[in-house]
Each structure stands twice: as structure tokens, then as C-alpha cells.
Protein backbone atom coordinates (compact mmCIF):
# COMPACT_ATOMS: atom_id res chain seq x y z
CA MET A 1 1.86 62.48 -74.60
CA ALA A 2 1.75 65.96 -73.06
CA GLN A 3 2.68 68.83 -75.32
CA LYS A 4 5.75 70.75 -74.20
CA SER A 5 5.17 74.43 -73.54
CA GLU A 6 7.64 76.68 -75.33
CA GLN A 7 8.52 79.93 -73.65
CA GLY A 8 10.89 82.27 -75.37
CA PRO A 9 12.71 85.17 -73.80
CA GLN A 10 10.45 87.78 -72.30
CA SER A 11 9.85 90.54 -74.79
CA LYS A 12 8.16 92.82 -72.27
CA ASP A 13 10.38 95.47 -70.73
CA GLN A 14 10.54 95.73 -66.97
CA GLN A 15 9.91 98.86 -64.92
CA HIS A 16 12.93 99.68 -62.76
CA PRO A 17 11.99 100.60 -59.16
CA GLN A 18 14.18 103.73 -59.37
CA TRP A 19 12.83 104.83 -62.75
CA ASN A 20 11.07 108.00 -61.53
CA SER A 21 14.07 109.52 -59.78
CA ASP A 22 16.56 108.23 -62.38
CA ARG A 23 14.48 109.71 -65.20
CA GLN A 24 14.82 113.15 -63.60
CA VAL A 25 18.59 112.70 -63.30
CA ALA A 26 18.85 111.65 -66.95
CA ILE A 27 16.89 114.72 -68.08
CA ARG A 28 19.11 116.97 -65.95
CA LEU A 29 22.27 115.40 -67.39
CA LEU A 30 21.11 116.30 -70.90
CA GLN A 31 20.56 119.91 -69.86
CA GLU A 32 23.71 120.57 -67.85
CA ASP A 33 27.42 120.66 -68.57
CA THR A 34 29.99 118.27 -67.21
CA SER A 35 31.00 118.49 -63.59
CA ASP A 36 32.45 115.94 -61.22
CA TYR A 37 28.97 115.39 -59.82
CA ASN A 38 27.31 114.99 -63.23
CA LEU A 39 30.03 112.61 -64.42
CA ALA A 40 29.58 110.50 -61.28
CA GLU A 41 25.81 110.45 -61.78
CA LEU A 42 26.15 109.42 -65.42
CA ALA A 43 28.53 106.60 -64.51
CA ARG A 44 26.29 105.47 -61.65
CA LEU A 45 23.25 105.24 -63.91
CA LEU A 46 25.14 103.57 -66.75
CA ILE A 47 26.20 100.86 -64.32
CA ARG A 48 22.68 100.54 -62.87
CA TYR A 49 21.01 100.14 -66.28
CA ALA A 50 23.69 98.05 -68.01
CA GLY A 51 21.85 95.00 -69.31
CA PHE A 52 18.57 96.01 -67.68
CA PRO A 53 15.59 94.87 -69.79
CA GLY A 54 13.69 98.13 -69.77
CA ALA A 55 14.02 101.85 -69.08
CA ARG A 56 14.96 102.30 -72.73
CA ASP A 57 14.29 106.05 -72.48
CA ILE A 58 16.81 106.44 -69.67
CA GLN A 59 19.35 104.23 -71.41
CA ALA A 60 19.04 106.28 -74.60
CA ASP A 61 19.42 109.56 -72.72
CA LEU A 62 22.52 108.30 -70.93
CA GLN A 63 24.07 107.47 -74.30
CA LYS A 64 23.13 110.96 -75.56
CA ALA A 65 24.85 112.52 -72.55
CA LEU A 66 28.00 110.50 -73.28
CA GLN A 67 27.95 111.71 -76.89
CA ARG A 68 27.19 115.31 -75.91
CA TRP A 69 30.16 115.35 -73.56
CA GLN A 70 32.30 113.51 -76.15
CA LEU A 71 33.04 110.57 -73.85
CA THR A 72 33.12 106.82 -74.18
CA GLU A 73 32.05 104.61 -71.29
CA ALA A 74 35.71 103.70 -70.76
CA SER A 75 36.82 107.34 -70.59
CA LEU A 76 33.90 108.22 -68.31
CA PHE A 77 34.73 105.38 -65.92
CA GLU A 78 38.40 106.41 -65.92
CA LYS A 79 37.43 109.99 -65.02
CA THR A 80 35.03 108.91 -62.30
CA ARG A 81 37.59 106.57 -60.75
CA GLN A 82 39.86 109.62 -60.43
CA ILE A 83 37.01 111.73 -59.03
CA HIS A 84 36.12 109.13 -56.41
CA SER A 85 39.77 108.58 -55.44
CA THR A 86 40.27 112.25 -54.57
CA GLY A 87 37.11 113.00 -52.64
CA GLN A 88 33.48 112.32 -51.98
CA VAL A 89 31.46 113.85 -54.76
CA TYR A 90 28.12 113.29 -53.00
CA ARG A 91 29.14 114.74 -49.63
CA GLY A 92 27.09 117.79 -48.70
CA ARG A 93 24.51 117.31 -51.46
CA GLY A 94 21.78 115.93 -49.23
CA HIS A 95 21.90 112.49 -50.84
CA LYS A 96 21.37 109.41 -48.76
CA ARG A 97 23.83 107.46 -50.89
CA ASP A 98 27.57 107.26 -50.49
CA ASP A 99 29.94 107.68 -53.38
CA TRP A 100 29.98 103.93 -54.07
CA ASN A 101 26.18 103.55 -54.59
């Protein structure tokens, strides 16, 4: 009888394809104060890395930024919904992404 191979969950973290640029954003967020743009960037990255098996450094820095600005994820998302409903925070910043990316 053939022996069944047991494979558990992968313990190796994955490298996110946007890690290099996102790492720079995370560092900047820790150095700067809140602004509509920075809040939108923090929310965008929190959504991108939610449940992602890797980029632990970015995920930790995003949590530090939340704490530094005395926000919860829920309060951040509430603020950014208001920001996005009143205008386009990325317009004129030279980004190739729209507000919804």
C-alpha cells in the first residue's frame, strides 16, 4: 500500500510583487503626520495585505501607523470612505492608480 504524503500549511512567507514600492510607503507613513492622502494610502495597504502570508514587516508598520495616529481599522476605513466620497485624493499626484485601487 502506498504511503500517503502529508502536507501541512505552508510555513514559508510569500514575497508580494508590490513589496518594494509598498515598503517605501509604509516607511513614509511612519515618518509623516496624517493627511487625507496618507490615510488613503494606509487604508489601501491594509486592504492589500489583509490575510497575505508574508510582508510581515509592512504589516507591522501599518499597525504601528494606526497606533501612532490613534486609529482603529474601522475608524480609518470610515474616514477614508468620507475622503473618497468628497474627492479624488490621488488626482494630481502623478500616480497611475485611481482612488479605488
